[in-house]
């Protein structure tokens, strides 16, 4: 029940009820509704032009921007992996493949040369995430250029290889122990802690930890130049003369299945992992000698490891830990 409103009649000194017509009521209601709509619209416009509230379109755009930023981070992570793998390939190209064929290494400044001239990325500037986008685009461009240079280098190596097949089959190019048989890559080439003297001494090869009796394979074609236990510290060991100045050495073997003078091919069985000689655990000590000088075997696994496996092996071999011999 609606309340009755009154006004004071000063002439008669009494309160008189206010009586409104239907038209007046409609007019007042219309005026109230119109005012509410105008005020509501004004408040909505003000709020939408401030940071207090986002429109549905802005919410969708913000979600898309966050997704793009996440995708850029993932892309940059993948770029790091590709750059690392390419760097390993470039290292092997300069230090291994081009050395094999007596080709001049590609200079570092040529591989890393940038792009001169005008700003190639001005069309990407002026946005909220411009720095990330420009940096990612630059990395992609540089990576593309490096891949082109590396591709041309490998084409050159392939051409040289066609006339040097005997050299390719002779040079050590696989792991002497299968990855599936390895416990771990125990120690790499370089200064390591001697397990007997506990002093930091030069370790001239790589130690592959594996069970006694694990097969050992020739890493390249060649002739067995030595297969005995007469070398100090090496125990049962084999040396393969690959020609072209290359010799590979396999030490601490449990059993030798080849003899001096035998011809072997890459992948042939030559013996089994053991713990003979100056050794503290079953493993294979593996060395590569070039022209009488012991060199790091890490770059001589191109025939058996993927780029990712090679990168992991490099990381393990670079750790300065205790050797097993």
C-alpha atoms as a PDB file:
ATOM      1  CA  UNK A   1       0.000   0.000   0.000  1.00  0.00           C
ATOM      2  CA  UNK A   2       1.500   3.277  -1.145  1.00  0.00           C
ATOM      3  CA  UNK A   3       2.000   6.016   1.377  1.00  0.00           C
ATOM      4  CA  UNK A   4      -0.081   9.179   1.057  1.00  0.00           C
ATOM      5  CA  UNK A   5       1.918  12.402   0.855  1.00  0.00           C
ATOM      6  CA  UNK A   6       0.676  15.694   2.308  1.00  0.00           C
ATOM      7  CA  UNK A   7       1.370  19.376   2.029  1.00  0.00           C
ATOM      8  CA  UNK A   8       0.646  22.081   4.701  1.00  0.00           C
ATOM      9  CA  UNK A   9      -2.105  24.525   3.833  1.00  0.00           C
ATOM     10  CA  UNK A  10      -1.107  27.705   5.680  1.00  0.00           C
ATOM     11  CA  UNK A  11      -4.403  29.400   4.965  1.00  0.00           C
ATOM     12  CA  UNK A  12      -6.470  26.737   6.612  1.00  0.00           C
ATOM     13  CA  UNK A  13      -3.716  25.594   8.942  1.00  0.00           C
ATOM     14  CA  UNK A  14      -4.078  21.960   8.023  1.00  0.00           C
ATOM     15  CA  UNK A  15      -2.323  19.110   6.128  1.00  0.00           C
ATOM     16  CA  UNK A  16      -3.911  18.351   2.809  1.00  0.00           C
ATOM     17  CA  UNK A  17      -3.203  15.108   0.894  1.00  0.00           C
ATOM     18  CA  UNK A  18      -1.386  15.527  -2.415  1.00  0.00           C
ATOM     19  CA  UNK A  19      -3.290  14.155  -5.296  1.00  0.00           C
ATOM     20  CA  UNK A  20      -1.343  13.459  -8.554  1.00  0.00           C
ATOM     21  CA  UNK A  21      -2.930  12.676 -11.837  1.00  0.00           C
ATOM     22  CA  UNK A  22      -1.993   9.594 -13.869  1.00  0.00           C
ATOM     23  CA  UNK A  23      -0.157  11.770 -16.402  1.00  0.00           C
ATOM     24  CA  UNK A  24       1.974  13.343 -13.686  1.00  0.00           C
ATOM     25  CA  UNK A  25       2.901   9.938 -12.380  1.00  0.00           C
ATOM     26  CA  UNK A  26       3.896   8.721 -15.837  1.00  0.00           C
ATOM     27  CA  UNK A  27       5.938  11.889 -16.361  1.00  0.00           C
ATOM     28  CA  UNK A  28       7.825  11.508 -13.081  1.00  0.00           C
ATOM     29  CA  UNK A  29       8.494   7.800 -13.710  1.00  0.00           C
ATOM     30  CA  UNK A  30       9.764   8.542 -17.224  1.00  0.00           C
ATOM     31  CA  UNK A  31      11.988  11.324 -15.882  1.00  0.00           C
ATOM     32  CA  UNK A  32      13.437   8.925 -13.264  1.00  0.00           C
ATOM     33  CA  UNK A  33      14.131   6.192 -15.807  1.00  0.00           C
ATOM     34  CA  UNK A  34      15.772   8.567 -18.290  1.00  0.00           C
ATOM     35  CA  UNK A  35      17.961  10.057 -15.555  1.00  0.00           C
ATOM     36  CA  UNK A  36      18.996   6.569 -14.386  1.00  0.00           C
ATOM     37  CA  UNK A  37      19.960   5.527 -17.920  1.00  0.00           C
ATOM     38  CA  UNK A  38      21.994   8.718 -18.487  1.00  0.00           C
ATOM     39  CA  UNK A  39      23.803   8.422 -15.161  1.00  0.00           C
ATOM     40  CA  UNK A  40      24.423   4.698 -15.667  1.00  0.00           C
ATOM     41  CA  UNK A  41      25.811   5.285 -19.160  1.00  0.00           C
ATOM     42  CA  UNK A  42      28.059   8.052 -17.858  1.00  0.00           C
ATOM     43  CA  UNK A  43      29.460   5.823 -15.070  1.00  0.00           C
ATOM     44  CA  UNK A  44      29.990   2.942 -17.503  1.00  0.00           C
ATOM     45  CA  UNK A  45      31.916   5.177 -19.939  1.00  0.00           C
ATOM     46  CA  UNK A  46      34.079   6.516 -17.118  1.00  0.00           C
ATOM     47  CA  UNK A  47      34.862   3.017 -15.793  1.00  0.00           C
ATOM     48  CA  UNK A  48      35.662   1.608 -19.223  1.00  0.00           C
ATOM     49  CA  UNK A  49      38.206   4.369 -19.803  1.00  0.00           C
ATOM     50  CA  UNK A  50      40.040   3.657 -16.557  1.00  0.00           C
ATOM     51  CA  UNK A  51      42.100   0.706 -15.295  1.00  0.00           C
ATOM     52  CA  UNK A  52      39.416  -0.438 -12.883  1.00  0.00           C
ATOM     53  CA  UNK A  53      37.549  -2.613 -15.369  1.00  0.00           C
ATOM     54  CA  UNK A  54      38.382  -4.345 -18.678  1.00  0.00           C
ATOM     55  CA  UNK A  55      36.070  -4.859 -21.589  1.00  0.00           C
ATOM     56  CA  UNK A  56      35.525  -8.418 -22.859  1.00  0.00           C
ATOM     57  CA  UNK A  57      37.641  -7.499 -25.890  1.00  0.00           C
ATOM     58  CA  UNK A  58      40.477  -6.277 -23.667  1.00  0.00           C
ATOM     59  CA  UNK A  59      40.288  -9.461 -21.589  1.00  0.00           C
ATOM     60  CA  UNK A  60      40.611 -11.593 -24.752  1.00  0.00           C
ATOM     61  CA  UNK A  61      43.483  -9.432 -26.021  1.00  0.00           C
ATOM     62  CA  UNK A  62      45.310  -9.678 -22.680  1.00  0.00           C
ATOM     63  CA  UNK A  63      44.930 -13.454 -22.756  1.00  0.00           C
ATOM     64  CA  UNK A  64      46.309 -13.594 -26.309  1.00  0.00           C
ATOM     65  CA  UNK A  65      49.258 -11.364 -25.371  1.00  0.00           C
ATOM     66  CA  UNK A  66      50.106 -13.611 -22.412  1.00  0.00           C
ATOM     67  CA  UNK A  67      49.927 -16.637 -24.710  1.00  0.00           C
ATOM     68  CA  UNK A  68      52.216 -14.974 -27.285  1.00  0.00           C
ATOM     69  CA  UNK A  69      54.729 -14.073 -24.570  1.00  0.00           C
ATOM     70  CA  UNK A  70      54.704 -17.684 -23.359  1.00  0.00           C
ATOM     71  CA  UNK A  71      55.225 -18.943 -26.917  1.00  0.00           C
ATOM     72  CA  UNK A  72      58.137 -16.515 -27.346  1.00  0.00           C
ATOM     73  CA  UNK A  73      59.771 -17.866 -24.196  1.00  0.00           C
ATOM     74  CA  UNK A  74      59.359 -21.436 -25.471  1.00  0.00           C
ATOM     75  CA  UNK A  75      60.754 -20.387 -28.872  1.00  0.00           C
ATOM     76  CA  UNK A  76      63.773 -18.733 -27.256  1.00  0.00           C
ATOM     77  CA  UNK A  77      64.406 -21.892 -25.229  1.00  0.00           C
ATOM     78  CA  UNK A  78      64.334 -23.961 -28.414  1.00  0.00           C
ATOM     79  CA  UNK A  79      66.635 -21.428 -30.072  1.00  0.00           C
ATOM     80  CA  UNK A  80      69.141 -21.919 -27.257  1.00  0.00           C
ATOM     81  CA  UNK A  81      69.127 -25.676 -27.905  1.00  0.00           C
ATOM     82  CA  UNK A  82      69.515 -25.204 -31.673  1.00  0.00           C
ATOM     83  CA  UNK A  83      72.326 -22.660 -31.170  1.00  0.00           C
ATOM     84  CA  UNK A  84      74.125 -25.024 -28.807  1.00  0.00           C
ATOM     85  CA  UNK A  85      73.806 -27.946 -31.236  1.00  0.00           C
ATOM     86  CA  UNK A  86      74.959 -25.796 -34.162  1.00  0.00           C
ATOM     87  CA  UNK A  87      77.943 -24.577 -32.119  1.00  0.00           C
ATOM     88  CA  UNK A  88      78.982 -28.222 -31.554  1.00  0.00           C
ATOM     89  CA  UNK A  89      78.609 -28.975 -35.269  1.00  0.00           C
ATOM     90  CA  UNK A  90      80.689 -25.897 -36.135  1.00  0.00           C
ATOM     91  CA  UNK A  91      83.363 -26.971 -33.654  1.00  0.00           C
ATOM     92  CA  UNK A  92      83.516 -30.438 -35.138  1.00  0.00           C
ATOM     93  CA  UNK A  93      83.553 -28.940 -38.631  1.00  0.00           C
ATOM     94  CA  UNK A  94      86.575 -26.736 -37.905  1.00  0.00           C
ATOM     95  CA  UNK A  95      88.469 -29.088 -35.579  1.00  0.00           C
ATOM     96  CA  UNK A  96      87.658 -32.426 -37.150  1.00  0.00           C
ATOM     97  CA  UNK A  97      86.157 -32.533 -40.639  1.00  0.00           C
ATOM     98  CA  UNK A  98      88.170 -29.685 -42.160  1.00  0.00           C
ATOM     99  CA  UNK A  99      91.331 -30.918 -40.439  1.00  0.00           C
ATOM    100  CA  UNK A 100      90.765 -34.362 -41.957  1.00  0.00           C
ATOM    101  CA  UNK A 101      90.796 -32.963 -45.471  1.00  0.00           C
ATOM    102  CA  UNK A 102      93.368 -30.227 -44.835  1.00  0.00           C
ATOM    103  CA  UNK A 103      90.823 -27.506 -45.539  1.00  0.00           C
ATOM    104  CA  UNK A 104      91.178 -24.108 -43.884  1.00  0.00           C
ATOM    105  CA  UNK A 105      88.837 -23.627 -40.882  1.00  0.00           C
ATOM    106  CA  UNK A 106      86.065 -21.055 -41.356  1.00  0.00           C
ATOM    107  CA  UNK A 107      87.020 -17.909 -39.358  1.00  0.00           C
ATOM    108  CA  UNK A 108      84.862 -17.186 -36.327  1.00  0.00           C
ATOM    109  CA  UNK A 109      84.151 -13.611 -37.463  1.00  0.00           C
ATOM    110  CA  UNK A 110      82.809 -14.975 -40.752  1.00  0.00           C
ATOM    111  CA  UNK A 111      80.482 -17.401 -38.954  1.00  0.00           C
ATOM    112  CA  UNK A 112      79.252 -14.724 -36.524  1.00  0.00           C
ATOM    113  CA  UNK A 113      79.055 -11.803 -38.953  1.00  0.00           C
ATOM    114  CA  UNK A 114      75.948  -9.681 -38.422  1.00  0.00           C
ATOM    115  CA  UNK A 115      73.885  -7.587 -40.801  1.00  0.00           C
ATOM    116  CA  UNK A 116      75.046  -4.110 -41.713  1.00  0.00           C
ATOM    117  CA  UNK A 117      73.156  -1.139 -43.131  1.00  0.00           C
ATOM    118  CA  UNK A 118      69.779   0.221 -42.067  1.00  0.00           C
ATOM    119  CA  UNK A 119      67.747  -0.990 -39.126  1.00  0.00           C
ATOM    120  CA  UNK A 120      66.112  -4.198 -40.338  1.00  0.00           C
ATOM    121  CA  UNK A 121      63.716  -4.363 -37.404  1.00  0.00           C
ATOM    122  CA  UNK A 122      62.215  -0.872 -37.143  1.00  0.00           C
ATOM    123  CA  UNK A 123      58.811  -2.269 -38.173  1.00  0.00           C
ATOM    124  CA  UNK A 124      58.795  -4.328 -34.942  1.00  0.00           C
ATOM    125  CA  UNK A 125      59.467  -1.384 -32.637  1.00  0.00           C
ATOM    126  CA  UNK A 126      56.930   0.671 -30.718  1.00  0.00           C
ATOM    127  CA  UNK A 127      55.036  -2.237 -29.162  1.00  0.00           C
ATOM    128  CA  UNK A 128      54.839  -3.378 -25.555  1.00  0.00           C
ATOM    129  CA  UNK A 129      56.965  -6.488 -26.182  1.00  0.00           C
ATOM    130  CA  UNK A 130      59.149  -5.034 -28.934  1.00  0.00           C
ATOM    131  CA  UNK A 131      62.444  -5.871 -27.186  1.00  0.00           C
ATOM    132  CA  UNK A 132      61.618  -9.574 -26.943  1.00  0.00           C
ATOM    133  CA  UNK A 133      60.246  -9.746 -30.493  1.00  0.00           C
ATOM    134  CA  UNK A 134      63.224  -7.883 -32.016  1.00  0.00           C
ATOM    135  CA  UNK A 135      65.726 -10.020 -30.078  1.00  0.00           C
ATOM    136  CA  UNK A 136      64.035 -13.265 -31.153  1.00  0.00           C
ATOM    137  CA  UNK A 137      63.877 -12.143 -34.792  1.00  0.00           C
ATOM    138  CA  UNK A 138      67.564 -11.185 -34.743  1.00  0.00           C
ATOM    139  CA  UNK A 139      68.510 -14.592 -33.314  1.00  0.00           C
ATOM    140  CA  UNK A 140      66.485 -16.351 -36.000  1.00  0.00           C
ATOM    141  CA  UNK A 141      68.144 -14.291 -38.756  1.00  0.00           C
ATOM    142  CA  UNK A 142      71.651 -14.906 -37.404  1.00  0.00           C
ATOM    143  CA  UNK A 143      70.911 -18.611 -36.907  1.00  0.00           C
ATOM    144  CA  UNK A 144      69.634 -18.862 -40.482  1.00  0.00           C
ATOM    145  CA  UNK A 145      72.811 -17.219 -41.788  1.00  0.00           C
ATOM    146  CA  UNK A 146      75.030 -19.508 -39.697  1.00  0.00           C
ATOM    147  CA  UNK A 147      73.132 -22.553 -40.973  1.00  0.00           C
ATOM    148  CA  UNK A 148      73.685 -21.420 -44.576  1.00  0.00           C
ATOM    149  CA  UNK A 149      77.434 -21.028 -43.930  1.00  0.00           C
ATOM    150  CA  UNK A 150      77.586 -24.432 -42.215  1.00  0.00           C
ATOM    151  CA  UNK A 151      75.602 -26.054 -45.018  1.00  0.00           C
ATOM    152  CA  UNK A 152      78.027 -24.704 -47.621  1.00  0.00           C
ATOM    153  CA  UNK A 153      80.946 -25.935 -45.514  1.00  0.00           C
ATOM    154  CA  UNK A 154      79.484 -29.442 -45.314  1.00  0.00           C
ATOM    155  CA  UNK A 155      78.910 -29.398 -49.081  1.00  0.00           C
ATOM    156  CA  UNK A 156      82.612 -28.606 -49.474  1.00  0.00           C
ATOM    157  CA  UNK A 157      83.552 -31.398 -47.057  1.00  0.00           C
ATOM    158  CA  UNK A 158      81.306 -33.833 -48.944  1.00  0.00           C
ATOM    159  CA  UNK A 159      83.064 -32.950 -52.191  1.00  0.00           C
ATOM    160  CA  UNK A 160      86.473 -33.498 -50.590  1.00  0.00           C
ATOM    161  CA  UNK A 161      85.280 -36.757 -49.030  1.00  0.00           C
ATOM    162  CA  UNK A 162      84.409 -38.314 -52.368  1.00  0.00           C
ATOM    163  CA  UNK A 163      88.111 -38.523 -53.131  1.00  0.00           C
ATOM    164  CA  UNK A 164      89.109 -39.558 -49.600  1.00  0.00           C
ATOM    165  CA  UNK A 165      86.932 -42.571 -48.774  1.00  0.00           C
ATOM    166  CA  UNK A 166      89.842 -44.549 -47.394  1.00  0.00           C
ATOM    167  CA  UNK A 167      90.662 -41.695 -45.023  1.00  0.00           C
ATOM    168  CA  UNK A 168      87.052 -41.493 -43.827  1.00  0.00           C
ATOM    169  CA  UNK A 169      86.877 -45.202 -43.015  1.00  0.00           C
ATOM    170  CA  UNK A 170      90.251 -45.135 -41.267  1.00  0.00           C
ATOM    171  CA  UNK A 171      89.787 -42.178 -38.936  1.00  0.00           C
ATOM    172  CA  UNK A 172      88.208 -43.137 -35.535  1.00  0.00           C
ATOM    173  CA  UNK A 173      84.584 -42.010 -35.692  1.00  0.00           C
ATOM    174  CA  UNK A 174      82.453 -44.048 -33.251  1.00  0.00           C
ATOM    175  CA  UNK A 175      82.339 -44.738 -29.521  1.00  0.00           C
ATOM    176  CA  UNK A 176      84.429 -47.790 -28.606  1.00  0.00           C
ATOM    177  CA  UNK A 177      81.639 -48.920 -26.251  1.00  0.00           C
ATOM    178  CA  UNK A 178      77.974 -48.858 -27.240  1.00  0.00           C
ATOM    179  CA  UNK A 179      75.883 -46.221 -25.434  1.00  0.00           C
ATOM    180  CA  UNK A 180      73.387 -48.906 -24.420  1.00  0.00           C
ATOM    181  CA  UNK A 181      76.169 -50.759 -22.551  1.00  0.00           C
ATOM    182  CA  UNK A 182      77.572 -47.723 -20.759  1.00  0.00           C
ATOM    183  CA  UNK A 183      77.006 -47.052 -17.074  1.00  0.00           C
ATOM    184  CA  UNK A 184      78.373 -43.548 -17.514  1.00  0.00           C
ATOM    185  CA  UNK A 185      81.131 -41.504 -19.109  1.00  0.00           C
ATOM    186  CA  UNK A 186      83.390 -41.570 -16.044  1.00  0.00           C
ATOM    187  CA  UNK A 187      86.112 -39.121 -16.963  1.00  0.00           C
ATOM    188  CA  UNK A 188      87.205 -37.004 -19.908  1.00  0.00           C
ATOM    189  CA  UNK A 189      90.422 -35.704 -21.454  1.00  0.00           C
ATOM    190  CA  UNK A 190      92.235 -33.070 -19.390  1.00  0.00           C
ATOM    191  CA  UNK A 191      93.410 -32.505 -15.851  1.00  0.00           C
ATOM    192  CA  UNK A 192      91.720 -34.906 -13.391  1.00  0.00           C
ATOM    193  CA  UNK A 193      92.286 -36.227  -9.872  1.00  0.00           C
ATOM    194  CA  UNK A 194      94.483 -39.350  -9.935  1.00  0.00           C
ATOM    195  CA  UNK A 195      92.664 -42.105  -7.946  1.00  0.00           C
ATOM    196  CA  UNK A 196      95.960 -43.429  -6.532  1.00  0.00           C
ATOM    197  CA  UNK A 197      97.959 -40.282  -5.742  1.00  0.00           C
ATOM    198  CA  UNK A 198      94.925 -37.984  -5.265  1.00  0.00           C
ATOM    199  CA  UNK A 199      96.861 -35.318  -7.167  1.00  0.00           C
ATOM    200  CA  UNK A 200      95.675 -33.280 -10.142  1.00  0.00           C
ATOM    201  CA  UNK A 201      97.360 -34.812 -13.186  1.00  0.00           C
ATOM    202  CA  UNK A 202      96.818 -34.886 -16.924  1.00  0.00           C
ATOM    203  CA  UNK A 203      94.385 -37.571 -18.093  1.00  0.00           C
ATOM    204  CA  UNK A 204      95.209 -38.316 -21.725  1.00  0.00           C
ATOM    205  CA  UNK A 205      92.026 -40.144 -22.712  1.00  0.00           C
ATOM    206  CA  UNK A 206      88.394 -40.835 -21.860  1.00  0.00           C
ATOM    207  CA  UNK A 207      87.155 -43.398 -19.334  1.00  0.00           C
ATOM    208  CA  UNK A 208      83.962 -45.287 -20.231  1.00  0.00           C
ATOM    209  CA  UNK A 209      82.489 -47.062 -17.201  1.00  0.00           C
ATOM    210  CA  UNK A 210      80.863 -50.410 -18.062  1.00  0.00           C
ATOM    211  CA  UNK A 211      80.483 -53.930 -16.703  1.00  0.00           C
ATOM    212  CA  UNK A 212      83.333 -56.392 -17.044  1.00  0.00           C
ATOM    213  CA  UNK A 213      82.800 -58.299 -20.291  1.00  0.00           C
ATOM    214  CA  UNK A 214      81.148 -55.405 -22.159  1.00  0.00           C
ATOM    215  CA  UNK A 215      82.154 -55.537 -25.877  1.00  0.00           C
ATOM    216  CA  UNK A 216      84.752 -53.073 -27.173  1.00  0.00           C
ATOM    217  CA  UNK A 217      84.750 -52.139 -30.858  1.00  0.00           C
ATOM    218  CA  UNK A 218      87.376 -50.768 -33.262  1.00  0.00           C
ATOM    219  CA  UNK A 219      86.553 -47.127 -33.928  1.00  0.00           C
ATOM    220  CA  UNK A 220      88.024 -47.083 -37.435  1.00  0.00           C
ATOM    221  CA  UNK A 221      89.627 -49.296 -40.073  1.00  0.00           C
ATOM    222  CA  UNK A 222      93.246 -50.205 -39.452  1.00  0.00           C
ATOM    223  CA  UNK A 223      95.900 -52.739 -38.446  1.00  0.00           C
ATOM    224  CA  UNK A 224      96.427 -54.056 -34.920  1.00  0.00           C
ATOM    225  CA  UNK A 225      99.871 -52.732 -34.020  1.00  0.00           C
ATOM    226  CA  UNK A 226      99.836 -54.017 -30.448  1.00  0.00           C
ATOM    227  CA  UNK A 227      97.725 -56.440 -28.378  1.00  0.00           C
ATOM    228  CA  UNK A 228      99.366 -57.366 -25.077  1.00  0.00           C
ATOM    229  CA  UNK A 229      99.724 -56.503 -21.379  1.00  0.00           C
ATOM    230  CA  UNK A 230     103.299 -55.233 -21.427  1.00  0.00           C
ATOM    231  CA  UNK A 231     102.658 -51.481 -21.299  1.00  0.00           C
ATOM    232  CA  UNK A 232     102.978 -50.032 -17.796  1.00  0.00           C
ATOM    233  CA  UNK A 233      99.603 -49.208 -16.260  1.00  0.00           C
ATOM    234  CA  UNK A 234      97.435 -50.162 -19.238  1.00  0.00           C
ATOM    235  CA  UNK A 235      97.015 -53.855 -18.412  1.00  0.00           C
ATOM    236  CA  UNK A 236      95.532 -55.774 -21.351  1.00  0.00           C
ATOM    237  CA  UNK A 237      95.407 -53.245 -24.139  1.00  0.00           C
ATOM    238  CA  UNK A 238      95.136 -52.889 -27.913  1.00  0.00           C
ATOM    239  CA  UNK A 239      96.498 -50.278 -30.283  1.00  0.00           C
ATOM    240  CA  UNK A 240      95.169 -49.827 -33.808  1.00  0.00           C
ATOM    241  CA  UNK A 241      97.216 -48.042 -36.460  1.00  0.00           C
ATOM    242  CA  UNK A 242      94.633 -46.410 -38.727  1.00  0.00           C
ATOM    243  CA  UNK A 243      97.128 -44.798 -41.075  1.00  0.00           C
ATOM    244  CA  UNK A 244      97.214 -41.104 -41.960  1.00  0.00           C
ATOM    245  CA  UNK A 245      98.972 -40.524 -38.616  1.00  0.00           C
ATOM    246  CA  UNK A 246      96.079 -41.803 -36.460  1.00  0.00           C
ATOM    247  CA  UNK A 247      96.401 -44.435 -33.687  1.00  0.00           C
ATOM    248  CA  UNK A 248      93.689 -45.458 -31.180  1.00  0.00           C
ATOM    249  CA  UNK A 249      94.416 -47.121 -27.818  1.00  0.00           C
ATOM    250  CA  UNK A 250      92.088 -49.314 -25.701  1.00  0.00           C
ATOM    251  CA  UNK A 251      93.283 -50.133 -22.145  1.00  0.00           C
ATOM    252  CA  UNK A 252      92.377 -52.162 -19.009  1.00  0.00           C
ATOM    253  CA  UNK A 253      90.635 -54.845 -21.099  1.00  0.00           C
ATOM    254  CA  UNK A 254      89.483 -58.106 -19.543  1.00  0.00           C
ATOM    255  CA  UNK A 255      90.049 -60.124 -22.720  1.00  0.00           C
ATOM    256  CA  UNK A 256      91.605 -59.388 -26.128  1.00  0.00           C
ATOM    257  CA  UNK A 257      90.193 -61.185 -29.209  1.00  0.00           C
ATOM    258  CA  UNK A 258      92.593 -59.808 -31.869  1.00  0.00           C
ATOM    259  CA  UNK A 259      96.279 -60.291 -32.548  1.00  0.00           C
ATOM    260  CA  UNK A 260      99.066 -58.053 -33.718  1.00  0.00           C
ATOM    261  CA  UNK A 261      98.963 -57.678 -37.486  1.00  0.00           C
ATOM    262  CA  UNK A 262      95.231 -58.361 -37.851  1.00  0.00           C
ATOM    263  CA  UNK A 263      93.254 -56.022 -40.095  1.00  0.00           C
ATOM    264  CA  UNK A 264      90.025 -54.689 -38.573  1.00  0.00           C
ATOM    265  CA  UNK A 265      87.186 -52.541 -39.780  1.00  0.00           C
ATOM    266  CA  UNK A 266      85.217 -49.944 -37.891  1.00  0.00           C
ATOM    267  CA  UNK A 267      82.760 -51.715 -35.569  1.00  0.00           C
ATOM    268  CA  UNK A 268      84.694 -54.995 -35.348  1.00  0.00           C
ATOM    269  CA  UNK A 269      84.926 -56.597 -31.905  1.00  0.00           C
ATOM    270  CA  UNK A 270      88.452 -56.359 -30.479  1.00  0.00           C
ATOM    271  CA  UNK A 271      87.922 -57.314 -26.823  1.00  0.00           C
ATOM    272  CA  UNK A 272      85.964 -56.818 -23.624  1.00  0.00           C
ATOM    273  CA  UNK A 273      85.923 -54.245 -20.823  1.00  0.00           C
ATOM    274  CA  UNK A 274      87.924 -55.203 -17.739  1.00  0.00           C
ATOM    275  CA  UNK A 275      89.817 -53.903 -14.713  1.00  0.00           C
ATOM    276  CA  UNK A 276      93.425 -54.871 -15.512  1.00  0.00           C
ATOM    277  CA  UNK A 277      96.515 -52.740 -14.987  1.00  0.00           C
ATOM    278  CA  UNK A 278      96.415 -49.474 -13.055  1.00  0.00           C
ATOM    279  CA  UNK A 279      92.645 -49.289 -12.625  1.00  0.00           C
ATOM    280  CA  UNK A 280      90.221 -48.869  -9.727  1.00  0.00           C
ATOM    281  CA  UNK A 281      87.018 -50.118 -11.411  1.00  0.00           C
ATOM    282  CA  UNK A 282      85.892 -51.886 -14.598  1.00  0.00           C
ATOM    283  CA  UNK A 283      86.130 -49.407 -17.470  1.00  0.00           C
ATOM    284  CA  UNK A 284      87.689 -48.727 -20.851  1.00  0.00           C
ATOM    285  CA  UNK A 285      90.419 -46.109 -21.082  1.00  0.00           C
ATOM    286  CA  UNK A 286      90.398 -44.797 -24.675  1.00  0.00           C
ATOM    287  CA  UNK A 287      92.976 -42.569 -26.354  1.00  0.00           C
ATOM    288  CA  UNK A 288      93.574 -41.133 -29.825  1.00  0.00           C
ATOM    289  CA  UNK A 289      97.063 -40.234 -31.041  1.00  0.00           C
ATOM    290  CA  UNK A 290      97.667 -38.072 -34.132  1.00  0.00           C
ATOM    291  CA  UNK A 291     101.215 -37.844 -35.519  1.00  0.00           C
ATOM    292  CA  UNK A 292     102.583 -39.014 -32.162  1.00  0.00           C
ATOM    293  CA  UNK A 293     100.606 -36.471 -30.127  1.00  0.00           C
ATOM    294  CA  UNK A 294      97.714 -37.468 -27.826  1.00  0.00           C
ATOM    295  CA  UNK A 295      94.589 -35.477 -28.644  1.00  0.00           C
ATOM    296  CA  UNK A 296      91.095 -35.167 -27.150  1.00  0.00           C
ATOM    297  CA  UNK A 297      88.885 -38.047 -28.386  1.00  0.00           C
ATOM    298  CA  UNK A 298      85.689 -36.027 -27.792  1.00  0.00           C
ATOM    299  CA  UNK A 299      85.486 -34.887 -31.419  1.00  0.00           C
ATOM    300  CA  UNK A 300      85.762 -38.418 -32.828  1.00  0.00           C
ATOM    301  CA  UNK A 301      82.235 -39.762 -32.301  1.00  0.00           C
ATOM    302  CA  UNK A 302      80.538 -38.326 -35.375  1.00  0.00           C
ATOM    303  CA  UNK A 303      79.517 -41.747 -36.635  1.00  0.00           C
ATOM    304  CA  UNK A 304      77.620 -43.005 -33.585  1.00  0.00           C
ATOM    305  CA  UNK A 305      76.088 -40.088 -31.690  1.00  0.00           C
ATOM    306  CA  UNK A 306      73.292 -37.651 -32.443  1.00  0.00           C
ATOM    307  CA  UNK A 307      73.967 -33.916 -31.834  1.00  0.00           C
ATOM    308  CA  UNK A 308      72.010 -34.097 -28.555  1.00  0.00           C
ATOM    309  CA  UNK A 309      73.896 -37.208 -27.373  1.00  0.00           C
ATOM    310  CA  UNK A 310      77.188 -35.581 -28.367  1.00  0.00           C
ATOM    311  CA  UNK A 311      76.333 -32.411 -26.422  1.00  0.00           C
ATOM    312  CA  UNK A 312      75.538 -34.480 -23.328  1.00  0.00           C
ATOM    313  CA  UNK A 313      78.824 -36.386 -23.712  1.00  0.00           C
ATOM    314  CA  UNK A 314      80.738 -33.097 -23.979  1.00  0.00           C
ATOM    315  CA  UNK A 315      79.129 -31.851 -20.757  1.00  0.00           C
ATOM    316  CA  UNK A 316      80.042 -35.047 -18.904  1.00  0.00           C
ATOM    317  CA  UNK A 317      83.602 -35.116 -20.268  1.00  0.00           C
ATOM    318  CA  UNK A 318      84.242 -31.485 -19.281  1.00  0.00           C
ATOM    319  CA  UNK A 319      83.666 -32.156 -15.567  1.00  0.00           C
ATOM    320  CA  UNK A 320      86.939 -32.184 -13.649  1.00  0.00           C
ATOM    321  CA  UNK A 321      86.389 -35.255 -11.488  1.00  0.00           C
ATOM    322  CA  UNK A 322      88.452 -38.289 -10.458  1.00  0.00           C
ATOM    323  CA  UNK A 323      89.574 -40.607 -13.227  1.00  0.00           C
ATOM    324  CA  UNK A 324      89.442 -44.402 -12.935  1.00  0.00           C
ATOM    325  CA  UNK A 325      93.121 -44.968 -13.837  1.00  0.00           C
END
